[in-house]
Amino acid sequence: MIASARRGSPARLAHALYMRSVAFTSVGDNVSADQFATDSLTAAADSGSSTALAQAHYAQGLALSRRAQSKQPLSYSERPI
């Protein structure tokens, strides 16, 4: 789905990345969910679609709230210097 969306509009890509983020959140992979949500936000900004932006922000908030609840350790790139 994402590979196909990359050949379409930025709004279509934002939606595909949003869906993947929510799916990862649903199975408890909050790190991947956050990464896909961040990518979705970038594509949504490129699209200029308010719906895509709302979905991307929702996915990011969901991923971050679940991540905080699970108290997963920070990834290497997130650790303070």
PDB file of N, CA and C in Angstrom:
ATOM      1  N   MET A   1       0.818  -1.187   0.000  1.00  0.00           N
ATOM      2  CA  MET A   1       0.000   0.000   0.000  1.00  0.00           C
ATOM      3  C   MET A   1       0.869   1.262   0.000  1.00  0.00           C
ATOM      4  N   ILE A   2       1.929   1.272   0.805  1.00  0.00           N
ATOM      5  CA  ILE A   2       2.776   2.460   0.865  1.00  0.00           C
ATOM      6  C   ILE A   2       3.550   2.642  -0.436  1.00  0.00           C
ATOM      7  N   ALA A   3       4.053   1.549  -0.984  1.00  0.00           N
ATOM      8  CA  ALA A   3       4.805   1.644  -2.239  1.00  0.00           C
ATOM      9  C   ALA A   3       3.924   2.233  -3.334  1.00  0.00           C
ATOM     10  N   SER A   4       2.697   1.803  -3.398  1.00  0.00           N
ATOM     11  CA  SER A   4       1.762   2.331  -4.388  1.00  0.00           C
ATOM     12  C   SER A   4       1.452   3.803  -4.107  1.00  0.00           C
ATOM     13  N   ALA A   5       1.297   4.144  -2.841  1.00  0.00           N
ATOM     14  CA  ALA A   5       0.964   5.526  -2.468  1.00  0.00           C
ATOM     15  C   ALA A   5       2.109   6.485  -2.781  1.00  0.00           C
ATOM     16  N   ARG A   6       3.330   6.006  -2.735  1.00  0.00           N
ATOM     17  CA  ARG A   6       4.481   6.861  -3.046  1.00  0.00           C
ATOM     18  C   ARG A   6       4.435   7.347  -4.502  1.00  0.00           C
ATOM     19  N   ARG A   7       3.746   6.590  -5.358  1.00  0.00           N
ATOM     20  CA  ARG A   7       3.621   6.987  -6.765  1.00  0.00           C
ATOM     21  C   ARG A   7       2.426   7.907  -6.992  1.00  0.00           C
ATOM     22  N   GLY A   8       1.646   8.159  -5.926  1.00  0.00           N
ATOM     23  CA  GLY A   8       0.462   9.006  -6.044  1.00  0.00           C
ATOM     24  C   GLY A   8       0.698  10.381  -5.447  1.00  0.00           C
ATOM     25  N   SER A   9      -0.357  10.961  -4.980  1.00  0.00           N
ATOM     26  CA  SER A   9      -0.292  12.309  -4.410  1.00  0.00           C
ATOM     27  C   SER A   9       0.251  12.271  -2.982  1.00  0.00           C
ATOM     28  N   PRO A  10       0.765  13.388  -2.489  1.00  0.00           N
ATOM     29  CA  PRO A  10       1.226  13.447  -1.100  1.00  0.00           C
ATOM     30  C   PRO A  10       0.110  13.131  -0.099  1.00  0.00           C
ATOM     31  N   ALA A  11      -1.126  13.506  -0.408  1.00  0.00           N
ATOM     32  CA  ALA A  11      -2.245  13.202   0.495  1.00  0.00           C
ATOM     33  C   ALA A  11      -2.475  11.695   0.575  1.00  0.00           C
ATOM     34  N   ARG A  12      -2.354  11.027  -0.539  1.00  0.00           N
ATOM     35  CA  ARG A  12      -2.516   9.567  -0.551  1.00  0.00           C
ATOM     36  C   ARG A  12      -1.410   8.902   0.265  1.00  0.00           C
ATOM     37  N   LEU A  13      -0.184   9.394   0.117  1.00  0.00           N
ATOM     38  CA  LEU A  13       0.932   8.850   0.894  1.00  0.00           C
ATOM     39  C   LEU A  13       0.727   9.120   2.383  1.00  0.00           C
ATOM     40  N   ALA A  14       0.289  10.327   2.714  1.00  0.00           N
ATOM     41  CA  ALA A  14       0.043  10.662   4.121  1.00  0.00           C
ATOM     42  C   ALA A  14      -0.981   9.705   4.721  1.00  0.00           C
ATOM     43  N   HIS A  15      -2.025   9.403   3.969  1.00  0.00           N
ATOM     44  CA  HIS A  15      -3.058   8.487   4.469  1.00  0.00           C
ATOM     45  C   HIS A  15      -2.508   7.076   4.669  1.00  0.00           C
ATOM     46  N   ALA A  16      -1.729   6.599   3.726  1.00  0.00           N
ATOM     47  CA  ALA A  16      -1.149   5.254   3.851  1.00  0.00           C
ATOM     48  C   ALA A  16      -0.231   5.171   5.067  1.00  0.00           C
ATOM     49  N   LEU A  17       0.573   6.197   5.279  1.00  0.00           N
ATOM     50  CA  LEU A  17       1.488   6.205   6.426  1.00  0.00           C
ATOM     51  C   LEU A  17       0.715   6.325   7.737  1.00  0.00           C
ATOM     52  N   TYR A  18      -0.345   7.097   7.735  1.00  0.00           N
ATOM     53  CA  TYR A  18      -1.229   7.220   8.901  1.00  0.00           C
ATOM     54  C   TYR A  18      -1.819   5.857   9.261  1.00  0.00           C
ATOM     55  N   MET A  19      -2.329   5.160   8.266  1.00  0.00           N
ATOM     56  CA  MET A  19      -2.920   3.842   8.511  1.00  0.00           C
ATOM     57  C   MET A  19      -1.888   2.859   9.062  1.00  0.00           C
ATOM     58  N   ARG A  20      -0.692   2.894   8.513  1.00  0.00           N
ATOM     59  CA  ARG A  20       0.365   2.001   8.996  1.00  0.00           C
ATOM     60  C   ARG A  20       0.735   2.338  10.439  1.00  0.00           C
ATOM     61  N   SER A  21       0.782   3.621  10.764  1.00  0.00           N
ATOM     62  CA  SER A  21       1.085   4.047  12.121  1.00  0.00           C
ATOM     63  C   SER A  21       0.047   3.518  13.104  1.00  0.00           C
ATOM     64  N   VAL A  22      -1.220   3.688  12.780  1.00  0.00           N
ATOM     65  CA  VAL A  22      -2.292   3.217  13.666  1.00  0.00           C
ATOM     66  C   VAL A  22      -2.232   1.695  13.803  1.00  0.00           C
ATOM     67  N   ALA A  23      -1.904   1.010  12.727  1.00  0.00           N
ATOM     68  CA  ALA A  23      -1.782  -0.450  12.794  1.00  0.00           C
ATOM     69  C   ALA A  23      -0.661  -0.858  13.744  1.00  0.00           C
ATOM     70  N   PHE A  24       0.488  -0.186  13.653  1.00  0.00           N
ATOM     71  CA  PHE A  24       1.590  -0.511  14.557  1.00  0.00           C
ATOM     72  C   PHE A  24       1.227  -0.201  16.002  1.00  0.00           C
ATOM     73  N   THR A  25       0.494   0.890  16.229  1.00  0.00           N
ATOM     74  CA  THR A  25       0.049   1.203  17.584  1.00  0.00           C
ATOM     75  C   THR A  25      -0.855   0.097  18.104  1.00  0.00           C
ATOM     76  N   SER A  26      -1.717  -0.418  17.248  1.00  0.00           N
ATOM     77  CA  SER A  26      -2.665  -1.460  17.641  1.00  0.00           C
ATOM     78  C   SER A  26      -1.990  -2.743  18.086  1.00  0.00           C
ATOM     79  N   VAL A  27      -0.833  -3.029  17.530  1.00  0.00           N
ATOM     80  CA  VAL A  27      -0.126  -4.260  17.912  1.00  0.00           C
ATOM     81  C   VAL A  27       0.976  -3.995  18.934  1.00  0.00           C
ATOM     82  N   GLY A  28       1.058  -2.760  19.418  1.00  0.00           N
ATOM     83  CA  GLY A  28       1.999  -2.448  20.488  1.00  0.00           C
ATOM     84  C   GLY A  28       3.392  -2.044  20.062  1.00  0.00           C
ATOM     85  N   ASP A  29       3.618  -1.846  18.768  1.00  0.00           N
ATOM     86  CA  ASP A  29       4.934  -1.406  18.298  1.00  0.00           C
ATOM     87  C   ASP A  29       4.906   0.117  18.186  1.00  0.00           C
ATOM     88  N   ASN A  30       5.046   0.754  19.335  1.00  0.00           N
ATOM     89  CA  ASN A  30       4.878   2.198  19.403  1.00  0.00           C
ATOM     90  C   ASN A  30       6.040   2.970  18.793  1.00  0.00           C
ATOM     91  N   VAL A  31       7.211   2.378  18.752  1.00  0.00           N
ATOM     92  CA  VAL A  31       8.359   3.038  18.125  1.00  0.00           C
ATOM     93  C   VAL A  31       8.117   3.155  16.623  1.00  0.00           C
ATOM     94  N   SER A  32       7.730   2.055  15.990  1.00  0.00           N
ATOM     95  CA  SER A  32       7.426   2.094  14.555  1.00  0.00           C
ATOM     96  C   SER A  32       6.223   2.990  14.278  1.00  0.00           C
ATOM     97  N   ALA A  33       5.234   2.941  15.163  1.00  0.00           N
ATOM     98  CA  ALA A  33       4.054   3.785  15.000  1.00  0.00           C
ATOM     99  C   ALA A  33       4.448   5.253  14.973  1.00  0.00           C
ATOM    100  N   ASP A  34       5.330   5.649  15.867  1.00  0.00           N
ATOM    101  CA  ASP A  34       5.778   7.037  15.912  1.00  0.00           C
ATOM    102  C   ASP A  34       6.545   7.417  14.646  1.00  0.00           C
ATOM    103  N   GLN A  35       7.370   6.512  14.149  1.00  0.00           N
ATOM    104  CA  GLN A  35       8.133   6.789  12.935  1.00  0.00           C
ATOM    105  C   GLN A  35       7.210   6.983  11.732  1.00  0.00           C
ATOM    106  N   PHE A  36       6.216   6.113  11.594  1.00  0.00           N
ATOM    107  CA  PHE A  36       5.280   6.243  10.475  1.00  0.00           C
ATOM    108  C   PHE A  36       4.411   7.490  10.632  1.00  0.00           C
ATOM    109  N   ALA A  37       4.047   7.831  11.856  1.00  0.00           N
ATOM    110  CA  ALA A  37       3.263   9.041  12.086  1.00  0.00           C
ATOM    111  C   ALA A  37       4.059  10.283  11.703  1.00  0.00           C
ATOM    112  N   THR A  38       5.336  10.303  12.033  1.00  0.00           N
ATOM    113  CA  THR A  38       6.190  11.432  11.671  1.00  0.00           C
ATOM    114  C   THR A  38       6.302  11.555  10.153  1.00  0.00           C
ATOM    115  N   ASP A  39       6.481  10.427   9.478  1.00  0.00           N
ATOM    116  CA  ASP A  39       6.525  10.443   8.008  1.00  0.00           C
ATOM    117  C   ASP A  39       5.186  10.901   7.425  1.00  0.00           C
ATOM    118  N   SER A  40       4.099  10.483   8.058  1.00  0.00           N
ATOM    119  CA  SER A  40       2.775  10.894   7.613  1.00  0.00           C
ATOM    120  C   SER A  40       2.607  12.404   7.752  1.00  0.00           C
ATOM    121  N   LEU A  41       3.115  12.945   8.826  1.00  0.00           N
ATOM    122  CA  LEU A  41       3.018  14.388   9.048  1.00  0.00           C
ATOM    123  C   LEU A  41       3.771  15.163   7.967  1.00  0.00           C
ATOM    124  N   THR A  42       4.927  14.669   7.574  1.00  0.00           N
ATOM    125  CA  THR A  42       5.704  15.312   6.513  1.00  0.00           C
ATOM    126  C   THR A  42       4.932  15.290   5.191  1.00  0.00           C
ATOM    127  N   ALA A  43       4.386  14.123   4.850  1.00  0.00           N
ATOM    128  CA  ALA A  43       3.619  14.004   3.604  1.00  0.00           C
ATOM    129  C   ALA A  43       2.361  14.858   3.669  1.00  0.00           C
ATOM    130  N   ALA A  44       1.730  14.909   4.822  1.00  0.00           N
ATOM    131  CA  ALA A  44       0.518  15.713   4.974  1.00  0.00           C
ATOM    132  C   ALA A  44       0.818  17.193   4.787  1.00  0.00           C
ATOM    133  N   ALA A  45       1.928  17.645   5.340  1.00  0.00           N
ATOM    134  CA  ALA A  45       2.328  19.047   5.170  1.00  0.00           C
ATOM    135  C   ALA A  45       2.576  19.351   3.695  1.00  0.00           C
ATOM    136  N   ASP A  46       3.215  18.405   3.003  1.00  0.00           N
ATOM    137  CA  ASP A  46       3.465  18.581   1.569  1.00  0.00           C
ATOM    138  C   ASP A  46       2.156  18.658   0.774  1.00  0.00           C
ATOM    139  N   SER A  47       1.150  17.914   1.241  1.00  0.00           N
ATOM    140  CA  SER A  47      -0.115  17.863   0.507  1.00  0.00           C
ATOM    141  C   SER A  47      -0.959  19.119   0.709  1.00  0.00           C
ATOM    142  N   GLY A  48      -0.807  19.755   1.857  1.00  0.00           N
ATOM    143  CA  GLY A  48      -1.634  20.911   2.162  1.00  0.00           C
ATOM    144  C   GLY A  48      -3.056  20.556   2.557  1.00  0.00           C
ATOM    145  N   SER A  49      -3.332  19.285   2.728  1.00  0.00           N
ATOM    146  CA  SER A  49      -4.676  18.819   3.072  1.00  0.00           C
ATOM    147  C   SER A  49      -4.894  18.895   4.584  1.00  0.00           C
ATOM    148  N   SER A  50      -5.936  19.597   4.993  1.00  0.00           N
ATOM    149  CA  SER A  50      -6.218  19.696   6.428  1.00  0.00           C
ATOM    150  C   SER A  50      -6.636  18.340   7.002  1.00  0.00           C
ATOM    151  N   THR A  51      -7.307  17.524   6.207  1.00  0.00           N
ATOM    152  CA  THR A  51      -7.683  16.184   6.664  1.00  0.00           C
ATOM    153  C   THR A  51      -6.444  15.332   6.882  1.00  0.00           C
ATOM    154  N   ALA A  52      -5.506  15.371   5.949  1.00  0.00           N
ATOM    155  CA  ALA A  52      -4.266  14.596   6.089  1.00  0.00           C
ATOM    156  C   ALA A  52      -3.475  15.061   7.303  1.00  0.00           C
ATOM    157  N   LEU A  53      -3.434  16.372   7.518  1.00  0.00           N
ATOM    158  CA  LEU A  53      -2.732  16.895   8.701  1.00  0.00           C
ATOM    159  C   LEU A  53      -3.395  16.430   9.990  1.00  0.00           C
ATOM    160  N   ALA A  54      -4.711  16.456  10.039  1.00  0.00           N
ATOM    161  CA  ALA A  54      -5.425  16.012  11.234  1.00  0.00           C
ATOM    162  C   ALA A  54      -5.161  14.535  11.506  1.00  0.00           C
ATOM    163  N   GLN A  55      -5.194  13.711  10.464  1.00  0.00           N
ATOM    164  CA  GLN A  55      -4.934  12.281  10.646  1.00  0.00           C
ATOM    165  C   GLN A  55      -3.506  12.040  11.121  1.00  0.00           C
ATOM    166  N   ALA A  56      -2.564  12.739  10.549  1.00  0.00           N
ATOM    167  CA  ALA A  56      -1.164  12.566  10.931  1.00  0.00           C
ATOM    168  C   ALA A  56      -0.938  12.982  12.382  1.00  0.00           C
ATOM    169  N   HIS A  57      -1.529  14.089  12.779  1.00  0.00           N
ATOM    170  CA  HIS A  57      -1.392  14.529  14.174  1.00  0.00           C
ATOM    171  C   HIS A  57      -2.058  13.539  15.127  1.00  0.00           C
ATOM    172  N   TYR A  58      -3.204  13.011  14.733  1.00  0.00           N
ATOM    173  CA  TYR A  58      -3.874  11.990  15.546  1.00  0.00           C
ATOM    174  C   TYR A  58      -2.971  10.767  15.722  1.00  0.00           C
ATOM    175  N   ALA A  59      -2.410  10.292  14.614  1.00  0.00           N
ATOM    176  CA  ALA A  59      -1.543   9.105  14.675  1.00  0.00           C
ATOM    177  C   ALA A  59      -0.334   9.360  15.558  1.00  0.00           C
ATOM    178  N   GLN A  60       0.247  10.544  15.448  1.00  0.00           N
ATOM    179  CA  GLN A  60       1.415  10.856  16.259  1.00  0.00           C
ATOM    180  C   GLN A  60       1.050  10.936  17.740  1.00  0.00           C
ATOM    181  N   GLY A  61      -0.059  11.584  18.047  1.00  0.00           N
ATOM    182  CA  GLY A  61      -0.505  11.662  19.439  1.00  0.00           C
ATOM    183  C   GLY A  61      -0.811  10.300  20.015  1.00  0.00           C
ATOM    184  N   LEU A  62      -1.459   9.454  19.236  1.00  0.00           N
ATOM    185  CA  LEU A  62      -1.787   8.105  19.680  1.00  0.00           C
ATOM    186  C   LEU A  62      -0.518   7.302  19.951  1.00  0.00           C
ATOM    187  N   ALA A  63       0.414   7.372  19.028  1.00  0.00           N
ATOM    188  CA  ALA A  63       1.671   6.627  19.181  1.00  0.00           C
ATOM    189  C   ALA A  63       2.445   7.108  20.409  1.00  0.00           C
ATOM    190  N   LEU A  64       2.525   8.416  20.579  1.00  0.00           N
ATOM    191  CA  LEU A  64       3.281   8.952  21.709  1.00  0.00           C
ATOM    192  C   LEU A  64       2.609   8.656  23.036  1.00  0.00           C
ATOM    193  N   SER A  65       1.278   8.718  23.081  1.00  0.00           N
ATOM    194  CA  SER A  65       0.588   8.428  24.342  1.00  0.00           C
ATOM    195  C   SER A  65       0.728   6.961  24.711  1.00  0.00           C
ATOM    196  N   ARG A  66       0.649   6.085  23.731  1.00  0.00           N
ATOM    197  CA  ARG A  66       0.810   4.653  24.014  1.00  0.00           C
ATOM    198  C   ARG A  66       2.248   4.333  24.392  1.00  0.00           C
ATOM    199  N   ARG A  67       3.162   5.042  23.771  1.00  0.00           N
ATOM    200  CA  ARG A  67       4.577   4.820  24.077  1.00  0.00           C
ATOM    201  C   ARG A  67       4.877   5.244  25.507  1.00  0.00           C
ATOM    202  N   ALA A  68       4.308   6.367  25.918  1.00  0.00           N
ATOM    203  CA  ALA A  68       4.510   6.837  27.284  1.00  0.00           C
ATOM    204  C   ALA A  68       3.887   5.861  28.282  1.00  0.00           C
ATOM    205  N   GLN A  69       2.746   5.301  27.923  1.00  0.00           N
ATOM    206  CA  GLN A  69       2.085   4.340  28.803  1.00  0.00           C
ATOM    207  C   GLN A  69       2.899   3.067  28.949  1.00  0.00           C
ATOM    208  N   SER A  70       3.538   2.643  27.873  1.00  0.00           N
ATOM    209  CA  SER A  70       4.297   1.392  27.918  1.00  0.00           C
ATOM    210  C   SER A  70       5.673   1.580  28.531  1.00  0.00           C
ATOM    211  N   LYS A  71       6.093   2.847  28.663  1.00  0.00           N
ATOM    212  CA  LYS A  71       7.395   3.178  29.251  1.00  0.00           C
ATOM    213  C   LYS A  71       8.537   2.440  28.567  1.00  0.00           C
ATOM    214  N   GLN A  72       8.477   2.399  27.235  1.00  0.00           N
ATOM    215  CA  GLN A  72       9.548   1.779  26.480  1.00  0.00           C
ATOM    216  C   GLN A  72      10.796   2.647  26.607  1.00  0.00           C
ATOM    217  N   PRO A  73      11.954   2.012  26.648  1.00  0.00           N
ATOM    218  CA  PRO A  73      13.175   2.808  26.718  1.00  0.00           C
ATOM    219  C   PRO A  73      13.360   3.632  25.444  1.00  0.00           C
ATOM    220  N   LEU A  74      14.035   4.736  25.572  1.00  0.00           N
ATOM    221  CA  LEU A  74      14.312   5.574  24.423  1.00  0.00           C
ATOM    222  C   LEU A  74      15.239   4.865  23.451  1.00  0.00           C
ATOM    223  N   SER A  75      15.021   5.095  22.175  1.00  0.00           N
ATOM    224  CA  SER A  75      15.934   4.545  21.185  1.00  0.00           C
ATOM    225  C   SER A  75      17.243   5.325  21.253  1.00  0.00           C
ATOM    226  N   TYR A  76      18.245   4.801  20.624  1.00  0.00           N
ATOM    227  CA  TYR A  76      19.560   5.439  20.657  1.00  0.00           C
ATOM    228  C   TYR A  76      19.493   6.890  20.186  1.00  0.00           C
ATOM    229  N   SER A  77      18.735   7.135  19.119  1.00  0.00           N
ATOM    230  CA  SER A  77      18.670   8.490  18.551  1.00  0.00           C
ATOM    231  C   SER A  77      17.908   9.455  19.448  1.00  0.00           C
ATOM    232  N   GLU A  78      17.111   8.960  20.383  1.00  0.00           N
ATOM    233  CA  GLU A  78      16.336   9.819  21.268  1.00  0.00           C
ATOM    234  C   GLU A  78      17.027  10.125  22.582  1.00  0.00           C
ATOM    235  N   ARG A  79      18.110   9.440  22.861  1.00  0.00           N
ATOM    236  CA  ARG A  79      18.795   9.638  24.131  1.00  0.00           C
ATOM    237  C   ARG A  79      19.484  10.990  24.170  1.00  0.00           C
ATOM    238  N   PRO A  80      19.453  11.629  25.333  1.00  0.00           N
ATOM    239  CA  PRO A  80      20.132  12.927  25.438  1.00  0.00           C
ATOM    240  C   PRO A  80      21.632  12.776  25.252  1.00  0.00           C
ATOM    241  N   ILE A  81      22.220  13.816  24.734  1.00  0.00           N
ATOM    242  CA  ILE A  81      23.666  13.783  24.486  1.00  0.00           C
ATOM    243  C   ILE A  81      24.400  14.107  25.764  1.00  0.00           C
TER     244      ILE A  81
END
